[in-house]
Amino acid sequence: MNQEGQGNYITPEIKAPFGATHIGLHWREKNANENLLTVFLRTRNDGEEYGKWEKANVELEEVRDDEKNEEIFASLIGVENKNYVQAMVEFVSQNDKNPKLKEFTFTLALDHQIN
């Protein structure tokens, strides 16, 4: 993946082999400390329509070495046993800097209690 400029990019639909309870998002971007990318997530199950886009929460001041390694980790997003997920990345240029998405990863988790 190598997306650059202004506009939106919607990822292909990802199907989990289980009902995910939490989704983590991780990406690498040029100018990570400039906050030029905003990421949203939506989910669904078989036979359902997608829900509303939910903004991924990122706190750049807590991200170490973001200028050096360009990595961003969003807070986990709680979902209710969903099997399908999509993300939308919103690109916004500012101060003569263009956003550039280099890599994007979904982490699907299942909160399972062992008795």
N, C-alpha and C. Protein backbone atom coordinates (compact mmCIF):
# COMPACT_ATOMS: atom_id res chain seq x y z
N MET A 1 0.85 -1.17 0.00
CA MET A 1 0.00 0.00 0.00
C MET A 1 0.89 1.23 0.00
N ASN A 2 0.58 2.17 -0.86
CA ASN A 2 1.34 3.42 -0.91
C ASN A 2 0.42 4.50 -1.44
N GLN A 3 -0.36 5.10 -0.58
CA GLN A 3 -1.33 6.12 -0.96
C GLN A 3 -0.83 7.49 -0.53
N GLU A 4 -0.93 8.48 -1.42
CA GLU A 4 -0.45 9.82 -1.10
C GLU A 4 -1.40 10.85 -1.68
N GLY A 5 -1.48 12.05 -1.06
CA GLY A 5 -2.28 13.15 -1.57
C GLY A 5 -3.47 13.46 -0.70
N GLN A 6 -4.53 14.03 -1.31
CA GLN A 6 -5.75 14.39 -0.59
C GLN A 6 -6.89 13.50 -1.03
N GLY A 7 -7.88 13.35 -0.15
CA GLY A 7 -9.05 12.55 -0.47
C GLY A 7 -9.24 11.44 0.54
N ASN A 8 -9.99 10.40 0.15
CA ASN A 8 -10.28 9.27 1.02
C ASN A 8 -9.86 7.97 0.36
N TYR A 9 -9.49 7.01 1.18
CA TYR A 9 -9.21 5.66 0.72
C TYR A 9 -9.98 4.71 1.62
N ILE A 10 -10.78 3.82 1.02
CA ILE A 10 -11.52 2.81 1.78
C ILE A 10 -10.86 1.46 1.51
N THR A 11 -10.49 0.78 2.59
CA THR A 11 -9.83 -0.51 2.46
C THR A 11 -10.80 -1.56 1.92
N PRO A 12 -10.26 -2.62 1.35
CA PRO A 12 -11.13 -3.75 1.01
C PRO A 12 -11.75 -4.31 2.30
N GLU A 13 -12.86 -4.98 2.17
CA GLU A 13 -13.52 -5.60 3.30
C GLU A 13 -12.66 -6.75 3.83
N ILE A 14 -12.50 -6.81 5.14
CA ILE A 14 -11.75 -7.89 5.78
C ILE A 14 -12.75 -8.78 6.51
N LYS A 15 -12.68 -10.11 6.29
CA LYS A 15 -13.57 -11.05 6.98
C LYS A 15 -12.77 -11.80 8.03
N ALA A 16 -13.22 -11.69 9.27
CA ALA A 16 -12.58 -12.41 10.37
C ALA A 16 -13.10 -13.84 10.44
N PRO A 17 -12.27 -14.80 10.85
CA PRO A 17 -12.75 -16.17 11.00
C PRO A 17 -13.55 -16.39 12.28
N PHE A 18 -13.75 -15.31 13.05
CA PHE A 18 -14.49 -15.36 14.31
C PHE A 18 -15.14 -13.99 14.53
N GLY A 19 -16.05 -13.92 15.46
CA GLY A 19 -16.66 -12.64 15.80
C GLY A 19 -15.72 -11.82 16.67
N ALA A 20 -15.14 -10.79 16.12
CA ALA A 20 -14.17 -9.97 16.86
C ALA A 20 -14.89 -9.11 17.90
N THR A 21 -14.25 -8.96 19.05
CA THR A 21 -14.79 -8.09 20.10
C THR A 21 -14.04 -6.77 20.16
N HIS A 22 -12.81 -6.75 19.63
CA HIS A 22 -12.00 -5.53 19.61
C HIS A 22 -11.19 -5.50 18.32
N ILE A 23 -10.97 -4.30 17.82
CA ILE A 23 -10.17 -4.14 16.61
C ILE A 23 -9.11 -3.08 16.88
N GLY A 24 -7.88 -3.44 16.56
CA GLY A 24 -6.77 -2.51 16.68
C GLY A 24 -6.32 -2.11 15.29
N LEU A 25 -5.94 -0.86 15.14
CA LEU A 25 -5.44 -0.35 13.86
C LEU A 25 -4.02 0.16 14.05
N HIS A 26 -3.18 -0.13 13.08
CA HIS A 26 -1.78 0.29 13.11
C HIS A 26 -1.42 0.71 11.70
N TRP A 27 -0.70 1.82 11.57
CA TRP A 27 -0.26 2.24 10.25
C TRP A 27 1.04 3.00 10.33
N ARG A 28 1.66 3.12 9.19
CA ARG A 28 2.87 3.93 9.03
C ARG A 28 2.54 5.03 8.05
N GLU A 29 3.01 6.23 8.38
CA GLU A 29 2.73 7.35 7.50
C GLU A 29 3.90 8.34 7.52
N LYS A 30 4.08 8.98 6.38
CA LYS A 30 5.03 10.07 6.28
C LYS A 30 4.46 11.24 7.07
N ASN A 31 5.31 12.00 7.76
CA ASN A 31 4.89 13.15 8.57
C ASN A 31 3.88 12.75 9.64
N ALA A 32 4.14 11.65 10.33
CA ALA A 32 3.21 11.13 11.34
C ALA A 32 2.87 12.15 12.42
N ASN A 33 3.82 12.99 12.77
CA ASN A 33 3.57 13.96 13.84
C ASN A 33 2.74 15.16 13.39
N GLU A 34 2.39 15.25 12.12
CA GLU A 34 1.62 16.39 11.59
C GLU A 34 0.12 16.15 11.61
N ASN A 35 -0.31 14.94 11.95
CA ASN A 35 -1.74 14.62 12.02
C ASN A 35 -2.47 14.88 10.69
N LEU A 36 -1.90 14.38 9.60
CA LEU A 36 -2.46 14.59 8.27
C LEU A 36 -3.44 13.49 7.85
N LEU A 37 -3.49 12.41 8.61
CA LEU A 37 -4.41 11.30 8.31
C LEU A 37 -5.41 11.14 9.45
N THR A 38 -6.66 10.90 9.09
CA THR A 38 -7.68 10.53 10.06
C THR A 38 -8.25 9.19 9.61
N VAL A 39 -8.39 8.27 10.54
CA VAL A 39 -8.83 6.92 10.20
C VAL A 39 -10.17 6.63 10.89
N PHE A 40 -11.06 6.00 10.13
CA PHE A 40 -12.38 5.62 10.61
C PHE A 40 -12.57 4.12 10.38
N LEU A 41 -13.45 3.50 11.15
CA LEU A 41 -13.68 2.07 11.08
C LEU A 41 -15.18 1.81 11.08
N ARG A 42 -15.61 0.77 10.33
CA ARG A 42 -17.00 0.32 10.41
C ARG A 42 -17.01 -1.20 10.34
N THR A 43 -18.06 -1.79 10.91
CA THR A 43 -18.14 -3.25 11.00
C THR A 43 -19.54 -3.73 10.65
N ARG A 44 -19.64 -5.04 10.42
CA ARG A 44 -20.94 -5.67 10.17
C ARG A 44 -20.80 -7.18 10.36
N ASN A 45 -21.91 -7.86 10.35
CA ASN A 45 -21.97 -9.33 10.33
C ASN A 45 -22.61 -9.78 9.02
N ASP A 46 -22.60 -11.08 8.77
CA ASP A 46 -23.26 -11.63 7.58
C ASP A 46 -24.71 -11.16 7.55
N GLY A 47 -25.17 -10.72 6.39
CA GLY A 47 -26.56 -10.32 6.21
C GLY A 47 -26.91 -8.95 6.77
N GLU A 48 -25.93 -8.22 7.30
CA GLU A 48 -26.18 -6.89 7.86
C GLU A 48 -25.57 -5.82 6.98
N GLU A 49 -26.10 -4.62 7.10
CA GLU A 49 -25.48 -3.45 6.48
C GLU A 49 -24.36 -2.97 7.41
N TYR A 50 -23.40 -2.25 6.82
CA TYR A 50 -22.36 -1.67 7.65
C TYR A 50 -22.94 -0.61 8.58
N GLY A 51 -22.37 -0.51 9.79
CA GLY A 51 -22.74 0.54 10.72
C GLY A 51 -22.08 1.85 10.32
N LYS A 52 -22.23 2.85 11.16
CA LYS A 52 -21.63 4.17 10.90
C LYS A 52 -20.12 4.10 11.06
N TRP A 53 -19.43 5.01 10.38
CA TRP A 53 -17.98 5.13 10.52
C TRP A 53 -17.67 5.64 11.92
N GLU A 54 -16.72 5.01 12.59
CA GLU A 54 -16.28 5.41 13.93
C GLU A 54 -14.83 5.85 13.85
N LYS A 55 -14.55 7.03 14.36
CA LYS A 55 -13.20 7.59 14.29
C LYS A 55 -12.26 6.84 15.23
N ALA A 56 -11.09 6.48 14.71
CA ALA A 56 -10.06 5.84 15.53
C ALA A 56 -9.37 6.90 16.39
N ASN A 57 -9.19 6.59 17.65
CA ASN A 57 -8.59 7.53 18.60
C ASN A 57 -7.07 7.35 18.61
N VAL A 58 -6.36 8.44 18.32
CA VAL A 58 -4.90 8.44 18.33
C VAL A 58 -4.44 9.63 19.15
N GLU A 59 -3.53 9.38 20.08
CA GLU A 59 -2.95 10.45 20.87
C GLU A 59 -1.47 10.52 20.53
N LEU A 60 -1.13 11.44 19.62
CA LEU A 60 0.24 11.51 19.12
C LEU A 60 1.26 11.81 20.20
N GLU A 61 0.91 12.59 21.21
CA GLU A 61 1.88 12.92 22.23
C GLU A 61 2.34 11.70 23.03
N GLU A 62 1.58 10.60 22.97
CA GLU A 62 1.97 9.38 23.67
C GLU A 62 2.71 8.41 22.76
N VAL A 63 2.87 8.73 21.50
CA VAL A 63 3.55 7.85 20.56
C VAL A 63 5.03 8.19 20.56
N ARG A 64 5.85 7.24 20.90
CA ARG A 64 7.30 7.48 20.93
C ARG A 64 7.89 7.30 19.53
N ASP A 65 8.88 8.10 19.22
CA ASP A 65 9.64 8.00 17.98
C ASP A 65 8.79 8.09 16.73
N ASP A 66 7.65 8.79 16.77
CA ASP A 66 6.78 8.81 15.59
C ASP A 66 7.42 9.52 14.41
N GLU A 67 8.34 10.45 14.63
CA GLU A 67 9.03 11.09 13.51
C GLU A 67 10.05 10.13 12.91
N LYS A 68 10.66 9.33 13.75
CA LYS A 68 11.70 8.42 13.30
C LYS A 68 11.12 7.20 12.58
N ASN A 69 10.19 6.51 13.22
CA ASN A 69 9.70 5.26 12.63
C ASN A 69 8.35 5.40 11.94
N GLU A 70 7.70 6.55 12.09
CA GLU A 70 6.46 6.85 11.38
C GLU A 70 5.31 5.91 11.73
N GLU A 71 5.36 5.26 12.88
CA GLU A 71 4.32 4.32 13.26
C GLU A 71 3.25 4.98 14.13
N ILE A 72 2.01 4.61 13.86
CA ILE A 72 0.87 5.08 14.64
C ILE A 72 0.05 3.86 15.09
N PHE A 73 -0.31 3.86 16.36
CA PHE A 73 -1.19 2.82 16.91
C PHE A 73 -2.44 3.51 17.45
N ALA A 74 -3.60 3.12 16.95
CA ALA A 74 -4.86 3.66 17.46
C ALA A 74 -5.28 2.85 18.68
N SER A 75 -6.07 3.47 19.54
CA SER A 75 -6.64 2.75 20.68
C SER A 75 -7.55 1.64 20.17
N LEU A 76 -7.64 0.55 20.93
CA LEU A 76 -8.55 -0.53 20.55
C LEU A 76 -9.98 -0.01 20.48
N ILE A 77 -10.70 -0.49 19.49
CA ILE A 77 -12.10 -0.12 19.31
C ILE A 77 -12.95 -1.34 19.64
N GLY A 78 -13.86 -1.19 20.59
CA GLY A 78 -14.74 -2.29 20.98
C GLY A 78 -15.85 -2.47 19.96
N VAL A 79 -16.04 -3.70 19.52
CA VAL A 79 -17.13 -4.05 18.60
C VAL A 79 -17.84 -5.27 19.19
N GLU A 80 -19.02 -5.56 18.74
CA GLU A 80 -19.82 -6.64 19.33
C GLU A 80 -19.85 -7.86 18.43
N ASN A 81 -18.82 -8.68 18.52
CA ASN A 81 -18.74 -9.94 17.77
C ASN A 81 -19.02 -9.74 16.28
N LYS A 82 -18.27 -8.87 15.66
CA LYS A 82 -18.45 -8.58 14.24
C LYS A 82 -17.48 -9.39 13.40
N ASN A 83 -17.94 -9.80 12.20
CA ASN A 83 -17.13 -10.63 11.31
C ASN A 83 -16.48 -9.87 10.17
N TYR A 84 -16.98 -8.69 9.85
CA TYR A 84 -16.45 -7.92 8.73
C TYR A 84 -16.04 -6.53 9.20
N VAL A 85 -14.96 -6.03 8.62
CA VAL A 85 -14.47 -4.70 8.99
C VAL A 85 -13.90 -3.99 7.76
N GLN A 86 -14.06 -2.69 7.74
CA GLN A 86 -13.45 -1.82 6.73
C GLN A 86 -12.93 -0.58 7.44
N ALA A 87 -11.91 0.01 6.87
CA ALA A 87 -11.40 1.29 7.38
C ALA A 87 -11.44 2.30 6.25
N MET A 88 -11.60 3.56 6.63
CA MET A 88 -11.53 4.66 5.68
C MET A 88 -10.45 5.61 6.20
N VAL A 89 -9.52 5.95 5.31
CA VAL A 89 -8.44 6.87 5.66
C VAL A 89 -8.71 8.18 4.94
N GLU A 90 -8.75 9.25 5.71
CA GLU A 90 -8.99 10.59 5.17
C GLU A 90 -7.64 11.32 5.12
N PHE A 91 -7.26 11.77 3.94
CA PHE A 91 -5.99 12.46 3.72
C PHE A 91 -6.24 13.96 3.64
N VAL A 92 -5.49 14.75 4.41
CA VAL A 92 -5.63 16.21 4.36
C VAL A 92 -4.24 16.83 4.30
N SER A 93 -3.96 17.57 3.23
CA SER A 93 -2.69 18.29 3.11
C SER A 93 -2.78 19.60 3.87
N GLN A 94 -1.69 19.98 4.51
CA GLN A 94 -1.64 21.28 5.18
C GLN A 94 -0.19 21.72 5.33
N ASN A 95 0.01 23.03 5.36
CA ASN A 95 1.35 23.62 5.49
C ASN A 95 2.33 23.06 4.46
N ASP A 96 1.88 22.92 3.22
CA ASP A 96 2.70 22.39 2.12
C ASP A 96 3.21 20.98 2.37
N LYS A 97 2.53 20.22 3.22
CA LYS A 97 2.90 18.83 3.47
C LYS A 97 1.74 17.94 3.06
N ASN A 98 2.07 16.90 2.31
CA ASN A 98 1.07 15.93 1.86
C ASN A 98 1.15 14.67 2.71
N PRO A 99 0.01 14.13 3.12
CA PRO A 99 0.02 12.87 3.85
C PRO A 99 0.40 11.73 2.92
N LYS A 100 1.05 10.73 3.48
CA LYS A 100 1.40 9.55 2.70
C LYS A 100 1.26 8.32 3.59
N LEU A 101 0.31 7.47 3.25
CA LEU A 101 0.09 6.23 3.98
C LEU A 101 0.98 5.16 3.37
N LYS A 102 1.82 4.55 4.21
CA LYS A 102 2.77 3.56 3.71
C LYS A 102 2.35 2.12 3.98
N GLU A 103 1.63 1.91 5.07
CA GLU A 103 1.28 0.56 5.49
C GLU A 103 0.08 0.64 6.43
N PHE A 104 -0.80 -0.36 6.39
CA PHE A 104 -2.00 -0.34 7.23
C PHE A 104 -2.31 -1.76 7.68
N THR A 105 -2.55 -1.95 8.99
CA THR A 105 -2.80 -3.28 9.53
C THR A 105 -4.01 -3.28 10.45
N PHE A 106 -4.85 -4.31 10.31
CA PHE A 106 -5.95 -4.57 11.23
C PHE A 106 -5.49 -5.66 12.20
N THR A 107 -5.82 -5.52 13.47
CA THR A 107 -5.64 -6.60 14.44
C THR A 107 -7.01 -6.89 15.03
N LEU A 108 -7.51 -8.09 14.76
CA LEU A 108 -8.84 -8.49 15.24
C LEU A 108 -8.65 -9.36 16.47
N ALA A 109 -9.33 -9.00 17.56
CA ALA A 109 -9.16 -9.71 18.82
C ALA A 109 -10.49 -10.24 19.32
N LEU A 110 -10.40 -11.31 20.09
CA LEU A 110 -11.57 -11.93 20.71
C LEU A 110 -11.34 -11.95 22.21
N ASP A 111 -12.20 -11.31 22.96
CA ASP A 111 -12.12 -11.29 24.41
C ASP A 111 -12.85 -12.53 24.92
N HIS A 112 -12.09 -13.52 25.29
CA HIS A 112 -12.68 -14.79 25.71
C HIS A 112 -12.23 -15.11 27.12
N GLN A 113 -13.16 -15.31 28.01
CA GLN A 113 -12.82 -15.63 29.39
C GLN A 113 -12.75 -17.14 29.56
N ILE A 114 -11.69 -17.57 30.21
CA ILE A 114 -11.51 -19.00 30.49
C ILE A 114 -11.98 -19.28 31.90
N ASN A 115 -12.86 -20.26 32.05
CA ASN A 115 -13.38 -20.61 33.39
C ASN A 115 -12.59 -21.73 34.01
